[in-house]
Amino acid sequence: MVELKGSHKELQFSALTRRIVCHKRGCSRVTRKKQEVAKIRFRYLTTGMLLMVVAATARADGEEALAKESQNPVADIISLPLENNLDFGVGPEDARVNTLNLKPVYPVDFGKLNLINRVIAPLVYQQERFDGEGSEFGLGNITYQAFLSPAAPSEIIWGLGPAFILPTNTDDRLGGDKWSAGPALVVLAKPGHWVFGTLAQHFWSFAGDSDENNVNLSSLQYFINYNFPTGWYLTTNPTMTANWDEGSSDRYTIPVGGGAGRIVRFSKQPVDFKLQGFWNAEKPDNAADWTVQLQVKLLFPK
């Protein structure tokens, strides 16, 4: 039995020795070959994706001007944006919340001024955020903005007017029951391939359910876009908020991120596609960790 154990140990040692020798003498060549094949596949995949992008952009030549109009919040153009925001990590249950914002824009000409009417109507689906809460689907609170903006083009574009939040929610979880209003201001410029600016708003509640908390909310959305002649563009337009009636730990929401978009024509109908991702660098305790945003905007240029 002792000899058998010794022989078994010798066999194990011999096999280990062969593996070490094999590695030193060339078995590592197999690993190197696999790595080279993986690199080649990656190069082919990358090249193929680049060719697809080049081919796609070639078909969208000449759309940069329309993309810049689409990125202007007070442009004299009718549009119907459908903006879907998918939030992750909401509440203790790490729930997902999906909000589809219907955001029609309708400008009205008043001679030297344009009145830009903007509506945001959110359709919300919430998973269970807190234990035992259950899920909820319905309409949130509708926002209406009315910007007066000069009709004549200039280097600095601006719009100023009132904004309102209407308590249209179908459930208390989807919005408060206060009527709110306040000023809204947008300022932007469009030099070269760029479109950049900011849209600022503040809301105070003035009517509604007396048992509801008052509204004292600021929002600031900056937007930076770089456009290519082919209709593609790079973009970032996060919306930062400050709820001034909350404590310092739950007051601010500061998202960071961005993405890309492209103008595509279906027959004669131009559509602006945009995909972005945002991570909340600062947020209230039970707010989303990050968000994926997809926008499909139907454009109706004059």
Protein backbone atom coordinates (compact mmCIF):
# COMPACT_ATOMS: atom_id res chain seq x y z
CA MET A 1 0.00 0.00 0.00
CA VAL A 2 2.90 2.33 0.74
CA GLU A 3 4.38 1.66 -2.68
CA LEU A 4 1.02 2.37 -4.33
CA LYS A 5 0.76 5.72 -2.55
CA GLY A 6 4.30 6.55 -3.55
CA SER A 7 3.63 5.59 -7.16
CA HIS A 8 0.49 7.72 -7.15
CA LYS A 9 2.46 10.72 -5.88
CA GLU A 10 5.11 10.13 -8.54
CA LEU A 11 2.44 10.06 -11.26
CA GLN A 12 0.96 13.32 -9.97
CA PHE A 13 4.42 14.90 -9.87
CA SER A 14 5.19 13.62 -13.37
CA ALA A 15 1.94 15.06 -14.76
CA LEU A 16 2.61 18.39 -13.09
CA THR A 17 6.14 18.40 -14.49
CA ARG A 18 4.84 17.72 -18.01
CA ARG A 19 2.39 20.62 -17.72
CA ILE A 20 5.15 22.97 -16.62
CA VAL A 21 7.48 21.81 -19.40
CA CYS A 22 4.64 22.01 -21.93
CA HIS A 23 3.96 25.58 -20.89
CA LYS A 24 7.62 26.54 -21.21
CA ARG A 25 8.12 24.81 -24.57
CA GLY A 26 5.12 26.00 -26.49
CA CYS A 27 1.74 25.09 -25.08
CA SER A 28 1.35 28.81 -24.39
CA ARG A 29 1.29 29.20 -28.18
CA VAL A 30 -2.29 27.91 -28.11
CA THR A 31 -3.26 30.64 -25.66
CA ARG A 32 -1.48 33.24 -27.78
CA LYS A 33 -3.27 32.02 -30.90
CA LYS A 34 -6.64 32.28 -29.15
CA GLN A 35 -5.81 35.80 -28.07
CA GLU A 36 -4.78 36.73 -31.63
CA VAL A 37 -8.02 35.27 -33.03
CA ALA A 38 -10.02 37.25 -30.46
CA LYS A 39 -8.18 40.43 -31.44
CA ILE A 40 -8.84 39.81 -35.14
CA ARG A 41 -12.53 39.21 -34.47
CA PHE A 42 -12.69 42.40 -32.45
CA ARG A 43 -11.03 44.35 -35.27
CA TYR A 44 -13.45 42.94 -37.84
CA LEU A 45 -16.41 43.72 -35.57
CA THR A 46 -15.19 47.26 -34.96
CA THR A 47 -14.51 47.84 -38.66
CA GLY A 48 -17.93 46.48 -39.58
CA MET A 49 -19.67 48.76 -37.08
CA LEU A 50 -17.74 51.76 -38.40
CA LEU A 51 -18.71 50.89 -41.97
CA MET A 52 -22.36 50.62 -40.93
CA VAL A 53 -22.16 54.04 -39.31
CA VAL A 54 -20.48 55.54 -42.39
CA ALA A 55 -23.11 54.00 -44.68
CA ALA A 56 -25.95 55.22 -42.48
CA THR A 57 -24.58 58.76 -42.24
CA ALA A 58 -24.11 58.97 -45.99
CA ARG A 59 -27.88 58.63 -46.46
CA ALA A 60 -28.62 61.52 -44.05
CA ASP A 61 -26.53 64.19 -45.75
CA GLY A 62 -27.71 67.78 -45.33
CA GLU A 63 -29.78 67.37 -42.15
CA GLU A 64 -27.61 69.43 -39.81
CA ALA A 65 -29.75 72.57 -40.06
CA LEU A 66 -32.89 70.64 -39.18
CA ALA A 67 -31.13 68.95 -36.25
CA LYS A 68 -30.17 72.38 -34.88
CA GLU A 69 -33.77 73.57 -35.15
CA SER A 70 -34.94 70.46 -33.32
CA GLN A 71 -32.49 71.20 -30.48
CA ASN A 72 -33.81 74.76 -30.05
CA PRO A 73 -36.58 74.78 -27.37
CA VAL A 74 -38.15 77.96 -28.87
CA ALA A 75 -37.75 77.17 -32.57
CA ASP A 76 -40.60 78.18 -34.88
CA ILE A 77 -41.39 74.57 -35.77
CA ILE A 78 -44.24 72.24 -34.84
CA SER A 79 -43.02 69.02 -33.25
CA LEU A 80 -44.30 66.01 -31.33
CA PRO A 81 -41.59 64.53 -29.08
CA LEU A 82 -42.21 61.19 -27.38
CA GLU A 83 -39.63 60.96 -24.59
CA ASN A 84 -39.35 57.71 -22.64
CA ASN A 85 -37.39 57.73 -19.36
CA LEU A 86 -36.62 54.40 -17.69
CA ASP A 87 -35.41 54.88 -14.10
CA PHE A 88 -33.48 52.18 -12.24
CA GLY A 89 -32.90 51.67 -8.53
CA VAL A 90 -35.91 53.58 -7.19
CA GLY A 91 -36.71 53.18 -3.48
CA PRO A 92 -35.64 50.41 -1.07
CA GLU A 93 -36.98 47.77 -3.50
CA ASP A 94 -34.71 49.03 -6.36
CA ALA A 95 -37.79 49.41 -8.53
CA ARG A 96 -37.98 50.48 -12.16
CA VAL A 97 -40.14 53.45 -13.08
CA ASN A 98 -41.03 54.13 -16.70
CA THR A 99 -42.28 57.59 -17.73
CA LEU A 100 -43.43 58.32 -21.26
CA ASN A 101 -43.60 62.09 -21.74
CA LEU A 102 -45.81 63.38 -24.54
CA LYS A 103 -44.30 66.82 -25.31
CA PRO A 104 -46.10 68.58 -28.19
CA VAL A 105 -44.76 71.99 -29.26
CA TYR A 106 -46.94 74.44 -31.20
CA PRO A 107 -45.66 77.93 -32.12
CA VAL A 108 -48.02 80.82 -32.88
CA ASP A 109 -46.86 83.86 -34.90
CA PHE A 110 -47.60 87.31 -33.43
CA GLY A 111 -45.59 89.43 -35.84
CA LYS A 112 -42.27 90.29 -34.22
CA LEU A 113 -42.83 87.69 -31.49
CA ASN A 114 -43.58 83.99 -31.49
CA LEU A 115 -45.54 82.30 -28.73
CA ILE A 116 -44.07 78.85 -28.23
CA ASN A 117 -46.60 76.57 -26.53
CA ARG A 118 -45.05 73.51 -24.90
CA VAL A 119 -46.91 70.76 -23.01
CA ILE A 120 -45.44 67.85 -21.04
CA ALA A 121 -47.93 65.07 -20.25
CA PRO A 122 -46.36 62.11 -18.39
CA LEU A 123 -47.71 58.56 -18.52
CA VAL A 124 -46.09 56.70 -15.62
CA TYR A 125 -45.67 53.04 -14.68
CA GLN A 126 -44.14 52.39 -11.26
CA GLN A 127 -43.01 49.06 -9.92
CA GLU A 128 -43.23 48.50 -6.18
CA ARG A 129 -40.80 51.01 -4.67
CA PHE A 130 -41.55 50.20 -1.02
CA ASP A 131 -42.48 46.85 0.52
CA GLY A 132 -46.22 46.22 0.22
CA GLU A 133 -46.88 49.32 -1.91
CA GLY A 134 -47.68 47.49 -5.15
CA SER A 135 -47.31 48.85 -8.67
CA GLU A 136 -49.14 51.80 -10.22
CA PHE A 137 -49.89 53.10 -13.73
CA GLY A 138 -51.51 56.35 -14.72
CA LEU A 139 -51.19 59.99 -15.72
CA GLY A 140 -48.88 62.31 -13.81
CA ASN A 141 -49.10 66.09 -13.47
CA ILE A 142 -49.13 68.01 -16.76
CA THR A 143 -46.75 70.95 -17.27
CA TYR A 144 -47.54 73.83 -19.65
CA GLN A 145 -44.93 76.40 -20.76
CA ALA A 146 -45.59 79.54 -22.84
CA PHE A 147 -42.43 81.22 -24.17
CA LEU A 148 -42.47 84.58 -25.93
CA SER A 149 -39.48 84.68 -28.27
CA PRO A 150 -38.34 87.15 -30.98
CA ALA A 151 -39.31 85.98 -34.46
CA ALA A 152 -36.23 87.57 -36.09
CA PRO A 153 -33.08 85.40 -35.96
CA SER A 154 -30.14 86.61 -33.87
CA GLU A 155 -26.89 85.29 -32.42
CA ILE A 156 -28.45 84.98 -28.95
CA ILE A 157 -31.88 83.35 -28.90
CA TRP A 158 -34.13 83.71 -25.90
CA GLY A 159 -37.63 82.96 -24.68
CA LEU A 160 -39.44 84.10 -21.54
CA GLY A 161 -42.83 83.28 -20.12
CA PRO A 162 -44.90 81.51 -17.48
CA ALA A 163 -44.98 77.81 -16.68
CA PHE A 164 -47.71 75.90 -14.87
CA ILE A 165 -47.99 72.48 -13.20
CA LEU A 166 -51.55 71.14 -13.25
CA PRO A 167 -52.64 68.48 -10.69
CA THR A 168 -53.87 65.98 -13.30
CA ASN A 169 -52.44 62.90 -11.58
CA THR A 170 -54.64 59.80 -11.44
CA ASP A 171 -53.03 58.65 -8.17
CA ASP A 172 -51.23 60.41 -5.32
CA ARG A 173 -48.10 58.39 -6.07
CA LEU A 174 -47.87 59.99 -9.54
CA GLY A 175 -47.90 63.64 -8.42
CA GLY A 176 -49.05 66.18 -5.86
CA ASP A 177 -52.47 67.84 -5.74
CA LYS A 178 -51.22 71.43 -5.80
CA TRP A 179 -51.59 73.98 -8.60
CA SER A 180 -48.18 75.57 -9.22
CA ALA A 181 -46.81 78.34 -11.44
CA GLY A 182 -43.67 80.39 -11.98
CA PRO A 183 -41.31 81.97 -14.51
CA ALA A 184 -39.44 80.09 -17.24
CA LEU A 185 -36.46 81.37 -19.23
CA VAL A 186 -34.48 79.83 -22.08
CA VAL A 187 -31.28 81.29 -23.57
CA LEU A 188 -29.19 79.63 -26.30
CA ALA A 189 -26.76 80.14 -29.17
CA LYS A 190 -26.09 78.16 -32.36
CA PRO A 191 -22.54 78.99 -33.55
CA GLY A 192 -21.12 76.69 -36.21
CA HIS A 193 -21.93 73.06 -35.50
CA TRP A 194 -22.92 73.81 -31.88
CA VAL A 195 -26.21 74.38 -30.10
CA PHE A 196 -25.89 75.17 -26.39
CA GLY A 197 -27.89 76.96 -23.77
CA THR A 198 -30.00 76.58 -20.66
CA LEU A 199 -33.67 76.40 -19.65
CA ALA A 200 -34.47 77.54 -16.10
CA GLN A 201 -37.80 77.35 -14.25
CA HIS A 202 -39.15 77.90 -10.75
CA PHE A 203 -42.52 76.83 -9.36
CA TRP A 204 -44.50 77.91 -6.32
CA SER A 205 -47.83 76.36 -5.36
CA PHE A 206 -50.77 78.78 -5.16
CA ALA A 207 -53.84 76.52 -4.78
CA GLY A 208 -54.91 72.94 -4.25
CA ASP A 209 -55.26 70.41 -1.45
CA SER A 210 -54.40 72.11 1.85
CA ASP A 211 -53.12 68.80 3.25
CA GLU A 212 -50.47 68.61 0.52
CA ASN A 213 -46.97 69.99 1.00
CA ASN A 214 -46.34 73.35 -0.66
CA VAL A 215 -44.31 73.43 -3.88
CA ASN A 216 -41.07 75.43 -3.96
CA LEU A 217 -39.14 73.81 -6.80
CA SER A 218 -36.39 74.99 -9.16
CA SER A 219 -35.16 73.21 -12.28
CA LEU A 220 -32.21 73.98 -14.54
CA GLN A 221 -31.60 72.11 -17.78
CA TYR A 222 -28.41 72.87 -19.69
CA PHE A 223 -28.02 71.46 -23.18
CA ILE A 224 -24.91 71.05 -25.32
CA ASN A 225 -25.11 69.59 -28.82
CA TYR A 226 -22.45 69.08 -31.49
CA ASN A 227 -23.87 68.44 -34.94
CA PHE A 228 -22.38 66.69 -37.95
CA PRO A 229 -23.36 67.50 -41.56
CA THR A 230 -24.77 63.99 -41.90
CA GLY A 231 -27.59 64.47 -39.38
CA TRP A 232 -25.84 62.75 -36.47
CA TYR A 233 -25.10 64.69 -33.29
CA LEU A 234 -23.66 64.30 -29.80
CA THR A 235 -25.73 65.64 -26.96
CA THR A 236 -26.15 66.14 -23.26
CA ASN A 237 -29.19 67.82 -21.66
CA PRO A 238 -29.63 66.73 -18.02
CA THR A 239 -32.24 68.44 -15.84
CA MET A 240 -31.08 69.42 -12.35
CA THR A 241 -33.69 70.13 -9.68
CA ALA A 242 -33.76 71.70 -6.21
CA ASN A 243 -36.68 71.14 -3.86
CA TRP A 244 -36.14 74.01 -1.43
CA ASP A 245 -38.61 72.72 1.18
CA GLU A 246 -36.61 69.51 1.69
CA GLY A 247 -33.61 69.00 3.95
CA SER A 248 -30.13 69.35 2.47
CA SER A 249 -29.72 65.57 2.03
CA ASP A 250 -32.89 65.29 -0.11
CA ARG A 251 -32.89 68.70 -1.78
CA TYR A 252 -30.87 68.27 -4.98
CA THR A 253 -31.00 65.97 -8.00
CA ILE A 254 -27.93 66.34 -10.22
CA PRO A 255 -27.72 63.92 -13.17
CA VAL A 256 -24.58 63.48 -15.30
CA GLY A 257 -24.48 61.87 -18.72
CA GLY A 258 -25.26 62.24 -22.40
CA GLY A 259 -25.65 60.38 -25.65
CA ALA A 260 -26.18 60.73 -29.39
CA GLY A 261 -28.95 61.30 -31.91
CA ARG A 262 -29.74 61.46 -35.59
CA ILE A 263 -32.27 63.01 -37.98
CA VAL A 264 -33.89 60.34 -40.17
CA ARG A 265 -36.44 60.83 -42.94
CA PHE A 266 -39.25 58.37 -43.56
CA SER A 267 -40.37 59.43 -47.02
CA LYS A 268 -40.88 63.20 -46.44
CA GLN A 269 -41.38 62.93 -42.67
CA PRO A 270 -38.26 63.91 -40.63
CA VAL A 271 -37.86 62.23 -37.24
CA ASP A 272 -35.29 63.07 -34.58
CA PHE A 273 -34.03 59.99 -32.67
CA LYS A 274 -32.01 60.48 -29.49
CA LEU A 275 -30.62 58.07 -26.89
CA GLN A 276 -29.00 59.17 -23.62
CA GLY A 277 -27.97 57.76 -20.26
CA PHE A 278 -27.72 59.64 -16.95
CA TRP A 279 -26.29 58.78 -13.54
CA ASN A 280 -27.54 60.78 -10.56
CA ALA A 281 -24.40 62.07 -8.87
CA GLU A 282 -26.59 63.71 -6.20
CA LYS A 283 -30.15 62.66 -5.38
CA PRO A 284 -32.75 62.18 -2.63
CA ASP A 285 -32.52 58.89 -0.74
CA ASN A 286 -35.28 57.06 -2.63
CA ALA A 287 -34.79 58.59 -6.08
CA ALA A 288 -33.46 56.68 -9.10
CA ASP A 289 -29.80 55.75 -9.33
CA TRP A 290 -29.66 56.16 -13.10
CA THR A 291 -31.86 56.69 -16.14
CA VAL A 292 -31.97 55.65 -19.80
CA GLN A 293 -33.76 58.14 -22.05
CA LEU A 294 -35.02 57.48 -25.58
CA GLN A 295 -36.69 60.25 -27.55
CA VAL A 296 -38.52 60.00 -30.87
CA LYS A 297 -39.51 63.46 -32.13
CA LEU A 298 -41.75 63.99 -35.15
CA LEU A 299 -40.85 67.27 -36.89
CA PHE A 300 -43.17 69.35 -39.08
CA PRO A 301 -41.03 72.12 -40.60
CA LYS A 302 -42.74 74.90 -42.54
